[in-house]
PDB file of N, CA and C in Angstrom:
ATOM      1  N   UNK A   1       9.622  -0.294   9.120  1.00  0.00           N
ATOM      2  CA  UNK A   1       9.676   0.851   8.253  1.00  0.00           C
ATOM      3  C   UNK A   1       9.090   0.460   6.894  1.00  0.00           C
ATOM      4  N   UNK A   2       7.872   0.888   6.655  1.00  0.00           N
ATOM      5  CA  UNK A   2       7.201   0.510   5.420  1.00  0.00           C
ATOM      6  C   UNK A   2       7.116   1.708   4.469  1.00  0.00           C
ATOM      7  N   UNK A   3       7.388   1.428   3.206  1.00  0.00           N
ATOM      8  CA  UNK A   3       7.375   2.444   2.160  1.00  0.00           C
ATOM      9  C   UNK A   3       6.274   2.116   1.159  1.00  0.00           C
ATOM     10  N   UNK A   4       5.486   3.125   0.799  1.00  0.00           N
ATOM     11  CA  UNK A   4       4.455   2.974  -0.234  1.00  0.00           C
ATOM     12  C   UNK A   4       5.101   3.308  -1.578  1.00  0.00           C
ATOM     13  N   UNK A   5       4.854   2.472  -2.571  1.00  0.00           N
ATOM     14  CA  UNK A   5       5.385   2.697  -3.914  1.00  0.00           C
ATOM     15  C   UNK A   5       4.198   2.704  -4.870  1.00  0.00           C
ATOM     16  N   UNK A   6       3.939   3.839  -5.489  1.00  0.00           N
ATOM     17  CA  UNK A   6       2.789   3.960  -6.372  1.00  0.00           C
ATOM     18  C   UNK A   6       3.171   4.249  -7.808  1.00  0.00           C
ATOM     19  N   UNK A   7       2.179   4.199  -8.672  1.00  0.00           N
ATOM     20  CA  UNK A   7       2.315   4.432 -10.108  1.00  0.00           C
ATOM     21  C   UNK A   7       3.268   3.431 -10.755  1.00  0.00           C
ATOM     22  N   UNK A   8       3.124   2.182 -10.338  1.00  0.00           N
ATOM     23  CA  UNK A   8       3.981   1.128 -10.889  1.00  0.00           C
ATOM     24  C   UNK A   8       3.398   0.546 -12.169  1.00  0.00           C
ATOM     25  N   UNK A   9       4.272   0.025 -12.996  1.00  0.00           N
ATOM     26  CA  UNK A   9       3.859  -0.695 -14.192  1.00  0.00           C
ATOM     27  C   UNK A   9       3.104  -1.949 -13.773  1.00  0.00           C
ATOM     28  N   UNK A  10       2.126  -2.345 -14.569  1.00  0.00           N
ATOM     29  CA  UNK A  10       1.374  -3.558 -14.284  1.00  0.00           C
ATOM     30  C   UNK A  10       2.209  -4.812 -14.564  1.00  0.00           C
ATOM     31  N   UNK A  11       3.386  -4.632 -15.126  1.00  0.00           N
ATOM     32  CA  UNK A  11       4.289  -5.745 -15.426  1.00  0.00           C
ATOM     33  C   UNK A  11       5.266  -6.033 -14.287  1.00  0.00           C
ATOM     34  N   UNK A  12       5.301  -5.183 -13.269  1.00  0.00           N
ATOM     35  CA  UNK A  12       6.277  -5.326 -12.183  1.00  0.00           C
ATOM     36  C   UNK A  12       6.013  -6.590 -11.366  1.00  0.00           C
ATOM     37  N   UNK A  13       7.102  -7.153 -10.833  1.00  0.00           N
ATOM     38  CA  UNK A  13       7.007  -8.337  -9.974  1.00  0.00           C
ATOM     39  C   UNK A  13       7.621  -8.005  -8.613  1.00  0.00           C
ATOM     40  N   UNK A  14       7.375  -8.871  -7.646  1.00  0.00           N
ATOM     41  CA  UNK A  14       7.995  -8.712  -6.326  1.00  0.00           C
ATOM     42  C   UNK A  14       9.518  -8.745  -6.450  1.00  0.00           C
ATOM     43  N   UNK A  15       9.998  -9.616  -7.315  1.00  0.00           N
ATOM     44  CA  UNK A  15      11.447  -9.749  -7.507  1.00  0.00           C
ATOM     45  C   UNK A  15      12.053  -8.468  -8.075  1.00  0.00           C
ATOM     46  N   UNK A  16      11.326  -7.819  -9.001  1.00  0.00           N
ATOM     47  CA  UNK A  16      11.796  -6.541  -9.555  1.00  0.00           C
ATOM     48  C   UNK A  16      11.953  -5.510  -8.437  1.00  0.00           C
ATOM     49  N   UNK A  17      10.932  -5.409  -7.594  1.00  0.00           N
ATOM     50  CA  UNK A  17      10.961  -4.441  -6.505  1.00  0.00           C
ATOM     51  C   UNK A  17      12.072  -4.768  -5.517  1.00  0.00           C
ATOM     52  N   UNK A  18      12.218  -6.032  -5.175  1.00  0.00           N
ATOM     53  CA  UNK A  18      13.268  -6.474  -4.258  1.00  0.00           C
ATOM     54  C   UNK A  18      14.635  -6.049  -4.784  1.00  0.00           C
ATOM     55  N   UNK A  19      14.857  -6.272  -6.061  1.00  0.00           N
ATOM     56  CA  UNK A  19      16.157  -5.973  -6.668  1.00  0.00           C
ATOM     57  C   UNK A  19      16.468  -4.474  -6.624  1.00  0.00           C
ATOM     58  N   UNK A  20      15.491  -3.639  -6.950  1.00  0.00           N
ATOM     59  CA  UNK A  20      15.719  -2.192  -6.965  1.00  0.00           C
ATOM     60  C   UNK A  20      15.901  -1.646  -5.549  1.00  0.00           C
ATOM     61  N   UNK A  21      15.044  -2.058  -4.628  1.00  0.00           N
ATOM     62  CA  UNK A  21      15.078  -1.494  -3.282  1.00  0.00           C
ATOM     63  C   UNK A  21      16.245  -2.001  -2.444  1.00  0.00           C
ATOM     64  N   UNK A  22      16.764  -3.185  -2.735  1.00  0.00           N
ATOM     65  CA  UNK A  22      17.883  -3.708  -1.945  1.00  0.00           C
ATOM     66  C   UNK A  22      19.160  -2.906  -2.176  1.00  0.00           C
ATOM     67  N   UNK A  23      19.198  -2.093  -3.212  1.00  0.00           N
ATOM     68  CA  UNK A  23      20.351  -1.221  -3.437  1.00  0.00           C
ATOM     69  C   UNK A  23      20.454  -0.144  -2.355  1.00  0.00           C
ATOM     70  N   UNK A  24      19.372   0.066  -1.608  1.00  0.00           N
ATOM     71  CA  UNK A  24      19.330   1.120  -0.591  1.00  0.00           C
ATOM     72  C   UNK A  24      19.293   0.569   0.827  1.00  0.00           C
ATOM     73  N   UNK A  25      19.332  -0.750   0.980  1.00  0.00           N
ATOM     74  CA  UNK A  25      19.334  -1.351   2.303  1.00  0.00           C
ATOM     75  C   UNK A  25      18.706  -2.728   2.273  1.00  0.00           C
ATOM     76  N   UNK A  26      18.417  -3.231   3.460  1.00  0.00           N
ATOM     77  CA  UNK A  26      17.852  -4.561   3.601  1.00  0.00           C
ATOM     78  C   UNK A  26      16.339  -4.520   3.463  1.00  0.00           C
ATOM     79  N   UNK A  27      15.830  -5.267   2.504  1.00  0.00           N
ATOM     80  CA  UNK A  27      14.389  -5.360   2.282  1.00  0.00           C
ATOM     81  C   UNK A  27      13.888  -6.568   3.065  1.00  0.00           C
ATOM     82  N   UNK A  28      12.962  -6.318   4.001  1.00  0.00           N
ATOM     83  CA  UNK A  28      12.467  -7.436   4.809  1.00  0.00           C
ATOM     84  C   UNK A  28      11.185  -8.038   4.243  1.00  0.00           C
ATOM     85  N   UNK A  29      10.442  -7.250   3.431  1.00  0.00           N
ATOM     86  CA  UNK A  29       9.204  -7.790   2.852  1.00  0.00           C
ATOM     87  C   UNK A  29       8.756  -6.904   1.701  1.00  0.00           C
ATOM     88  N   UNK A  30       8.176  -7.525   0.680  1.00  0.00           N
ATOM     89  CA  UNK A  30       7.563  -6.813  -0.431  1.00  0.00           C
ATOM     90  C   UNK A  30       6.126  -7.308  -0.555  1.00  0.00           C
ATOM     91  N   UNK A  31       5.180  -6.383  -0.534  1.00  0.00           N
ATOM     92  CA  UNK A  31       3.772  -6.729  -0.705  1.00  0.00           C
ATOM     93  C   UNK A  31       3.277  -6.069  -1.993  1.00  0.00           C
ATOM     94  N   UNK A  32       2.845  -6.889  -2.931  1.00  0.00           N
ATOM     95  CA  UNK A  32       2.385  -6.412  -4.235  1.00  0.00           C
ATOM     96  C   UNK A  32       0.937  -6.861  -4.423  1.00  0.00           C
ATOM     97  N   UNK A  33      -0.035  -6.032  -4.010  1.00  0.00           N
ATOM     98  CA  UNK A  33      -1.443  -6.424  -4.131  1.00  0.00           C
ATOM     99  C   UNK A  33      -1.835  -6.706  -5.581  1.00  0.00           C
ATOM    100  N   UNK A  34      -2.607  -7.767  -5.755  1.00  0.00           N
ATOM    101  CA  UNK A  34      -3.056  -8.173  -7.090  1.00  0.00           C
ATOM    102  C   UNK A  34      -4.551  -7.890  -7.247  1.00  0.00           C
ATOM    103  N   UNK A  35      -4.939  -7.538  -8.448  1.00  0.00           N
ATOM    104  CA  UNK A  35      -6.351  -7.335  -8.768  1.00  0.00           C
ATOM    105  C   UNK A  35      -7.041  -8.687  -8.824  1.00  0.00           C
ATOM    106  N   UNK A  36      -8.162  -8.824  -8.152  1.00  0.00           N
ATOM    107  CA  UNK A  36      -8.868 -10.109  -8.099  1.00  0.00           C
ATOM    108  C   UNK A  36      -9.411 -10.540  -9.458  1.00  0.00           C
ATOM    109  N   UNK A  37      -9.848  -9.575 -10.241  1.00  0.00           N
ATOM    110  CA  UNK A  37     -10.463  -9.921 -11.530  1.00  0.00           C
ATOM    111  C   UNK A  37      -9.450 -10.205 -12.625  1.00  0.00           C
ATOM    112  N   UNK A  38      -8.405  -9.377 -12.715  1.00  0.00           N
ATOM    113  CA  UNK A  38      -7.446  -9.536 -13.809  1.00  0.00           C
ATOM    114  C   UNK A  38      -6.245 -10.391 -13.432  1.00  0.00           C
ATOM    115  N   UNK A  39      -5.961 -10.501 -12.125  1.00  0.00           N
ATOM    116  CA  UNK A  39      -4.803 -11.266 -11.686  1.00  0.00           C
ATOM    117  C   UNK A  39      -3.482 -10.538 -11.873  1.00  0.00           C
ATOM    118  N   UNK A  40      -3.529  -9.287 -12.274  1.00  0.00           N
ATOM    119  CA  UNK A  40      -2.289  -8.526 -12.449  1.00  0.00           C
ATOM    120  C   UNK A  40      -2.122  -7.551 -11.275  1.00  0.00           C
ATOM    121  N   UNK A  41      -0.903  -7.048 -11.075  1.00  0.00           N
ATOM    122  CA  UNK A  41      -0.673  -6.096  -9.989  1.00  0.00           C
ATOM    123  C   UNK A  41      -1.586  -4.874 -10.122  1.00  0.00           C
ATOM    124  N   UNK A  42      -1.920  -4.274  -8.980  1.00  0.00           N
ATOM    125  CA  UNK A  42      -2.840  -3.134  -8.950  1.00  0.00           C
ATOM    126  C   UNK A  42      -2.136  -1.803  -9.180  1.00  0.00           C
ATOM    127  N   UNK A  43      -0.823  -1.807  -9.353  1.00  0.00           N
ATOM    128  CA  UNK A  43      -0.107  -0.564  -9.662  1.00  0.00           C
ATOM    129  C   UNK A  43       0.541   0.095  -8.461  1.00  0.00           C
ATOM    130  N   UNK A  44       0.516  -0.586  -7.313  1.00  0.00           N
ATOM    131  CA  UNK A  44       1.208  -0.073  -6.146  1.00  0.00           C
ATOM    132  C   UNK A  44       1.737  -1.238  -5.320  1.00  0.00           C
ATOM    133  N   UNK A  45       2.634  -0.908  -4.382  1.00  0.00           N
ATOM    134  CA  UNK A  45       3.234  -1.941  -3.532  1.00  0.00           C
ATOM    135  C   UNK A  45       3.654  -1.320  -2.210  1.00  0.00           C
ATOM    136  N   UNK A  46       3.978  -2.182  -1.263  1.00  0.00           N
ATOM    137  CA  UNK A  46       4.564  -1.767   0.004  1.00  0.00           C
ATOM    138  C   UNK A  46       5.858  -2.534   0.165  1.00  0.00           C
ATOM    139  N   UNK A  47       6.912  -1.807   0.507  1.00  0.00           N
ATOM    140  CA  UNK A  47       8.219  -2.422   0.704  1.00  0.00           C
ATOM    141  C   UNK A  47       8.674  -2.083   2.120  1.00  0.00           C
ATOM    142  N   UNK A  48       8.995  -3.113   2.896  1.00  0.00           N
ATOM    143  CA  UNK A  48       9.478  -2.917   4.261  1.00  0.00           C
ATOM    144  C   UNK A  48      10.995  -2.934   4.266  1.00  0.00           C
ATOM    145  N   UNK A  49      11.555  -1.839   4.757  1.00  0.00           N
ATOM    146  CA  UNK A  49      13.003  -1.721   4.902  1.00  0.00           C
ATOM    147  C   UNK A  49      13.344  -1.980   6.367  1.00  0.00           C
ATOM    148  N   UNK A  50      14.579  -2.430   6.646  1.00  0.00           N
ATOM    149  CA  UNK A  50      14.923  -2.830   8.006  1.00  0.00           C
ATOM    150  C   UNK A  50      15.266  -1.659   8.928  1.00  0.00           C
ATOM    151  N   UNK A  51      15.588  -0.485   8.376  1.00  0.00           N
ATOM    152  CA  UNK A  51      15.969   0.652   9.216  1.00  0.00           C
ATOM    153  C   UNK A  51      15.394   1.954   8.653  1.00  0.00           C
ATOM    154  N   UNK A  52      15.186   2.895   9.545  1.00  0.00           N
ATOM    155  CA  UNK A  52      14.594   4.173   9.148  1.00  0.00           C
ATOM    156  C   UNK A  52      15.494   4.962   8.199  1.00  0.00           C
ATOM    157  N   UNK A  53      16.807   4.896   8.395  1.00  0.00           N
ATOM    158  CA  UNK A  53      17.710   5.624   7.502  1.00  0.00           C
ATOM    159  C   UNK A  53      17.679   5.040   6.093  1.00  0.00           C
ATOM    160  N   UNK A  54      17.457   3.718   5.986  1.00  0.00           N
ATOM    161  CA  UNK A  54      17.315   3.087   4.666  1.00  0.00           C
ATOM    162  C   UNK A  54      16.013   3.547   4.007  1.00  0.00           C
ATOM    163  N   UNK A  55      14.968   3.639   4.805  1.00  0.00           N
ATOM    164  CA  UNK A  55      13.675   4.122   4.301  1.00  0.00           C
ATOM    165  C   UNK A  55      13.821   5.540   3.757  1.00  0.00           C
ATOM    166  N   UNK A  56      14.479   6.400   4.499  1.00  0.00           N
ATOM    167  CA  UNK A  56      14.698   7.783   4.070  1.00  0.00           C
ATOM    168  C   UNK A  56      15.514   7.823   2.778  1.00  0.00           C
ATOM    169  N   UNK A  57      16.555   7.025   2.702  1.00  0.00           N
ATOM    170  CA  UNK A  57      17.421   6.998   1.518  1.00  0.00           C
ATOM    171  C   UNK A  57      16.659   6.545   0.277  1.00  0.00           C
ATOM    172  N   UNK A  58      15.821   5.520   0.415  1.00  0.00           N
ATOM    173  CA  UNK A  58      15.093   5.004  -0.738  1.00  0.00           C
ATOM    174  C   UNK A  58      14.029   6.006  -1.201  1.00  0.00           C
ATOM    175  N   UNK A  59      13.400   6.699  -0.266  1.00  0.00           N
ATOM    176  CA  UNK A  59      12.397   7.714  -0.636  1.00  0.00           C
ATOM    177  C   UNK A  59      13.070   8.851  -1.391  1.00  0.00           C
ATOM    178  N   UNK A  60      14.185   9.341  -0.861  1.00  0.00           N
ATOM    179  CA  UNK A  60      14.900  10.443  -1.512  1.00  0.00           C
ATOM    180  C   UNK A  60      15.400  10.055  -2.899  1.00  0.00           C
ATOM    181  N   UNK A  61      15.852   8.826  -3.054  1.00  0.00           N
ATOM    182  CA  UNK A  61      16.439   8.384  -4.321  1.00  0.00           C
ATOM    183  C   UNK A  61      15.393   8.035  -5.379  1.00  0.00           C
ATOM    184  N   UNK A  62      14.287   7.431  -4.963  1.00  0.00           N
ATOM    185  CA  UNK A  62      13.372   6.870  -5.963  1.00  0.00           C
ATOM    186  C   UNK A  62      12.066   7.630  -6.179  1.00  0.00           C
ATOM    187  N   UNK A  63      11.698   8.530  -5.265  1.00  0.00           N
ATOM    188  CA  UNK A  63      10.455   9.274  -5.477  1.00  0.00           C
ATOM    189  C   UNK A  63      10.607  10.162  -6.709  1.00  0.00           C
ATOM    190  N   UNK A  64       9.747   9.942  -7.691  1.00  0.00           N
ATOM    191  CA  UNK A  64       9.799  10.706  -8.940  1.00  0.00           C
ATOM    192  C   UNK A  64      10.690  10.090 -10.009  1.00  0.00           C
ATOM    193  N   UNK A  65      11.390   9.017  -9.667  1.00  0.00           N
ATOM    194  CA  UNK A  65      12.273   8.368 -10.643  1.00  0.00           C
ATOM    195  C   UNK A  65      11.451   7.598 -11.676  1.00  0.00           C
ATOM    196  N   UNK A  66      11.930   7.604 -12.914  1.00  0.00           N
ATOM    197  CA  UNK A  66      11.257   6.843 -13.956  1.00  0.00           C
ATOM    198  C   UNK A  66      11.773   5.406 -13.933  1.00  0.00           C
ATOM    199  N   UNK A  67      10.828   4.463 -13.907  1.00  0.00           N
ATOM    200  CA  UNK A  67      11.180   3.044 -13.884  1.00  0.00           C
ATOM    201  C   UNK A  67      10.102   2.265 -14.627  1.00  0.00           C
ATOM    202  N   UNK A  68      10.517   1.453 -15.541  1.00  0.00           N
ATOM    203  CA  UNK A  68       9.612   0.652 -16.372  1.00  0.00           C
ATOM    204  C   UNK A  68       8.581   1.549 -17.078  1.00  0.00           C
ATOM    205  N   UNK A  69       9.051   2.716 -17.521  1.00  0.00           N
ATOM    206  CA  UNK A  69       8.210   3.625 -18.292  1.00  0.00           C
ATOM    207  C   UNK A  69       7.233   4.460 -17.482  1.00  0.00           C
ATOM    208  N   UNK A  70       7.347   4.457 -16.146  1.00  0.00           N
ATOM    209  CA  UNK A  70       6.433   5.219 -15.300  1.00  0.00           C
ATOM    210  C   UNK A  70       7.215   5.973 -14.230  1.00  0.00           C
ATOM    211  N   UNK A  71       6.665   7.093 -13.789  1.00  0.00           N
ATOM    212  CA  UNK A  71       7.288   7.880 -12.731  1.00  0.00           C
ATOM    213  C   UNK A  71       6.774   7.391 -11.380  1.00  0.00           C
ATOM    214  N   UNK A  72       7.651   6.759 -10.614  1.00  0.00           N
ATOM    215  CA  UNK A  72       7.257   6.183  -9.332  1.00  0.00           C
ATOM    216  C   UNK A  72       6.952   7.254  -8.294  1.00  0.00           C
ATOM    217  N   UNK A  73       6.005   6.941  -7.436  1.00  0.00           N
ATOM    218  CA  UNK A  73       5.705   7.743  -6.255  1.00  0.00           C
ATOM    219  C   UNK A  73       6.144   6.900  -5.065  1.00  0.00           C
ATOM    220  N   UNK A  74       7.108   7.392  -4.309  1.00  0.00           N
ATOM    221  CA  UNK A  74       7.633   6.640  -3.175  1.00  0.00           C
ATOM    222  C   UNK A  74       7.572   7.528  -1.943  1.00  0.00           C
ATOM    223  N   UNK A  75       6.869   7.058  -0.917  1.00  0.00           N
ATOM    224  CA  UNK A  75       6.807   7.802   0.333  1.00  0.00           C
ATOM    225  C   UNK A  75       6.550   6.873   1.503  1.00  0.00           C
ATOM    226  N   UNK A  76       6.639   7.443   2.689  1.00  0.00           N
ATOM    227  CA  UNK A  76       6.418   6.662   3.907  1.00  0.00           C
ATOM    228  C   UNK A  76       4.979   6.166   3.906  1.00  0.00           C
ATOM    229  N   UNK A  77       4.802   4.886   4.159  1.00  0.00           N
ATOM    230  CA  UNK A  77       3.457   4.311   4.181  1.00  0.00           C
ATOM    231  C   UNK A  77       2.704   4.815   5.404  1.00  0.00           C
ATOM    232  N   UNK A  78       1.438   5.139   5.185  1.00  0.00           N
ATOM    233  CA  UNK A  78       0.593   5.577   6.292  1.00  0.00           C
ATOM    234  C   UNK A  78      -0.072   4.358   6.899  1.00  0.00           C
ATOM    235  N   UNK A  79      -0.304   4.390   8.210  1.00  0.00           N
ATOM    236  CA  UNK A  79      -0.985   3.255   8.837  1.00  0.00           C
ATOM    237  C   UNK A  79      -2.364   3.050   8.225  1.00  0.00           C
ATOM    238  N   UNK A  80      -2.741   1.812   8.097  1.00  0.00           N
ATOM    239  CA  UNK A  80      -4.035   1.476   7.521  1.00  0.00           C
ATOM    240  C   UNK A  80      -5.150   1.910   8.463  1.00  0.00           C
ATOM    241  N   UNK A  81      -6.140   2.598   7.908  1.00  0.00           N
ATOM    242  CA  UNK A  81      -7.280   3.005   8.716  1.00  0.00           C
ATOM    243  C   UNK A  81      -8.302   1.889   8.738  1.00  0.00           C
ATOM    244  N   UNK A  82      -8.852   1.615   9.898  1.00  0.00           N
ATOM    245  CA  UNK A  82      -9.851   0.567  10.025  1.00  0.00           C
ATOM    246  C   UNK A  82     -11.206   1.147   9.658  1.00  0.00           C
ATOM    247  N   UNK A  83     -11.709   0.783   8.498  1.00  0.00           N
ATOM    248  CA  UNK A  83     -12.982   1.321   8.024  1.00  0.00           C
ATOM    249  C   UNK A  83     -14.156   0.476   8.474  1.00  0.00           C
ATOM    250  N   UNK A  84     -13.928  -0.581   9.197  1.00  0.00           N
ATOM    251  CA  UNK A  84     -15.005  -1.436   9.662  1.00  0.00           C
ATOM    252  C   UNK A  84     -15.293  -2.549   8.691  1.00  0.00           C
ATOM    253  N   UNK A  85     -15.317  -2.262   7.404  1.00  0.00           N
ATOM    254  CA  UNK A  85     -15.463  -3.268   6.380  1.00  0.00           C
ATOM    255  C   UNK A  85     -16.828  -3.900   6.248  1.00  0.00           C
ATOM    256  N   UNK A  86     -17.777  -3.555   7.118  1.00  0.00           N
ATOM    257  CA  UNK A  86     -19.069  -4.220   7.057  1.00  0.00           C
ATOM    258  C   UNK A  86     -20.008  -3.590   6.046  1.00  0.00           C
ATOM    259  N   UNK A  87     -19.690  -2.378   5.600  1.00  0.00           N
ATOM    260  CA  UNK A  87     -20.561  -1.703   4.649  1.00  0.00           C
ATOM    261  C   UNK A  87     -21.752  -1.032   5.316  1.00  0.00           C
ATOM    262  N   UNK A  88     -21.836  -1.124   6.622  1.00  0.00           N
ATOM    263  CA  UNK A  88     -22.918  -0.487   7.362  1.00  0.00           C
ATOM    264  C   UNK A  88     -22.522   0.919   7.761  1.00  0.00           C
ATOM    265  N   UNK A  89     -23.517   1.708   8.072  1.00  0.00           N
ATOM    266  CA  UNK A  89     -23.256   3.092   8.442  1.00  0.00           C
ATOM    267  C   UNK A  89     -22.839   3.235   9.900  1.00  0.00           C
ATOM    268  N   UNK A  90     -22.931   2.179  10.670  1.00  0.00           N
ATOM    269  CA  UNK A  90     -22.525   2.248  12.056  1.00  0.00           C
ATOM    270  C   UNK A  90     -23.666   2.618  12.993  1.00  0.00           C
ATOM    271  N   UNK A  91     -24.904   2.666  12.482  1.00  0.00           N
ATOM    272  CA  UNK A  91     -26.035   3.020  13.316  1.00  0.00           C
ATOM    273  C   UNK A  91     -26.518   1.865  14.168  1.00  0.00           C
ATOM    274  N   UNK A  92     -26.072   0.668  13.872  1.00  0.00           N
ATOM    275  CA  UNK A  92     -26.504  -0.504  14.621  1.00  0.00           C
ATOM    276  C   UNK A  92     -27.905  -0.901  14.218  1.00  0.00           C
ATOM    277  N   UNK A  93     -28.434  -1.904  14.898  1.00  0.00           N
ATOM    278  CA  UNK A  93     -29.799  -2.335  14.599  1.00  0.00           C
ATOM    279  C   UNK A  93     -29.903  -2.923  13.217  1.00  0.00           C
ATOM    280  N   UNK A  94     -31.104  -3.046  12.751  1.00  0.00           N
ATOM    281  CA  UNK A  94     -31.340  -3.595  11.439  1.00  0.00           C
ATOM    282  C   UNK A  94     -32.816  -3.863  11.287  1.00  0.00           C
ATOM    283  N   UNK A  95     -33.250  -4.277  10.155  1.00  0.00           N
ATOM    284  CA  UNK A  95     -34.672  -4.546   9.945  1.00  0.00           C
ATOM    285  C   UNK A  95     -35.501  -3.292  10.127  1.00  0.00           C
ATOM    286  N   UNK A  96     -36.668  -3.460  10.722  1.00  0.00           N
ATOM    287  CA  UNK A  96     -37.581  -2.322  10.918  1.00  0.00           C
ATOM    288  C   UNK A  96     -37.603  -1.846  12.352  1.00  0.00           C
ATOM    289  N   UNK A  97     -36.578  -2.144  13.109  1.00  0.00           N
ATOM    290  CA  UNK A  97     -36.519  -1.763  14.509  1.00  0.00           C
ATOM    291  C   UNK A  97     -36.370  -0.258  14.634  1.00  0.00           C
ATOM    292  N   UNK A  98     -37.207   0.331  15.489  1.00  0.00           N
ATOM    293  CA  UNK A  98     -37.079   1.748  15.812  1.00  0.00           C
ATOM    294  C   UNK A  98     -37.036   1.909  17.313  1.00  0.00           C
ATOM    295  N   UNK A  99     -36.130   2.720  17.752  1.00  0.00           N
ATOM    296  CA  UNK A  99     -36.007   2.959  19.174  1.00  0.00           C
ATOM    297  C   UNK A  99     -37.031   4.008  19.591  1.00  0.00           C
ATOM    298  N   UNK A 100     -37.845   3.677  20.581  1.00  0.00           N
ATOM    299  CA  UNK A 100     -38.831   4.609  21.081  1.00  0.00           C
ATOM    300  C   UNK A 100     -38.166   5.480  22.131  1.00  0.00           C
ATOM    301  N   UNK A 101     -38.077   6.777  21.858  1.00  0.00           N
ATOM    302  CA  UNK A 101     -37.420   7.692  22.785  1.00  0.00           C
ATOM    303  C   UNK A 101     -38.411   8.410  23.682  1.00  0.00           C
ATOM    304  N   UNK A 102     -39.710   8.069  23.584  1.00  0.00           N
ATOM    305  CA  UNK A 102     -40.738   8.753  24.392  1.00  0.00           C
ATOM    306  C   UNK A 102     -41.179   7.898  25.558  1.00  0.00           C
ATOM    307  N   UNK A 103     -40.339   7.196  26.243  1.00  0.00           N
ATOM    308  CA  UNK A 103     -40.730   6.310  27.341  1.00  0.00           C
ATOM    309  C   UNK A 103     -40.941   7.084  28.571  1.00  0.00           C
TER     310      UNK A 103
END
């Protein structure tokens, strides 16, 4: 059960999130993505709760709550979409290759 937490302060730590979310159940993991260039948090996190009822409770309690000077956005995390990551359009091929369709 993963929860998305958005609009976080750039000062937040994993420990801060663990402390707040454990009030609503068992936190099994906290993921706080960091910006590669600045080294600071990117302003969002994912928190894994151990049960669905805990996930529901934390969403109801914390979505829209003000914390560290910001209004948190808390909702059920959506599965990650596989974008391919190659930066290609998916047409295949490369170079100057052209498929001859008049055979």
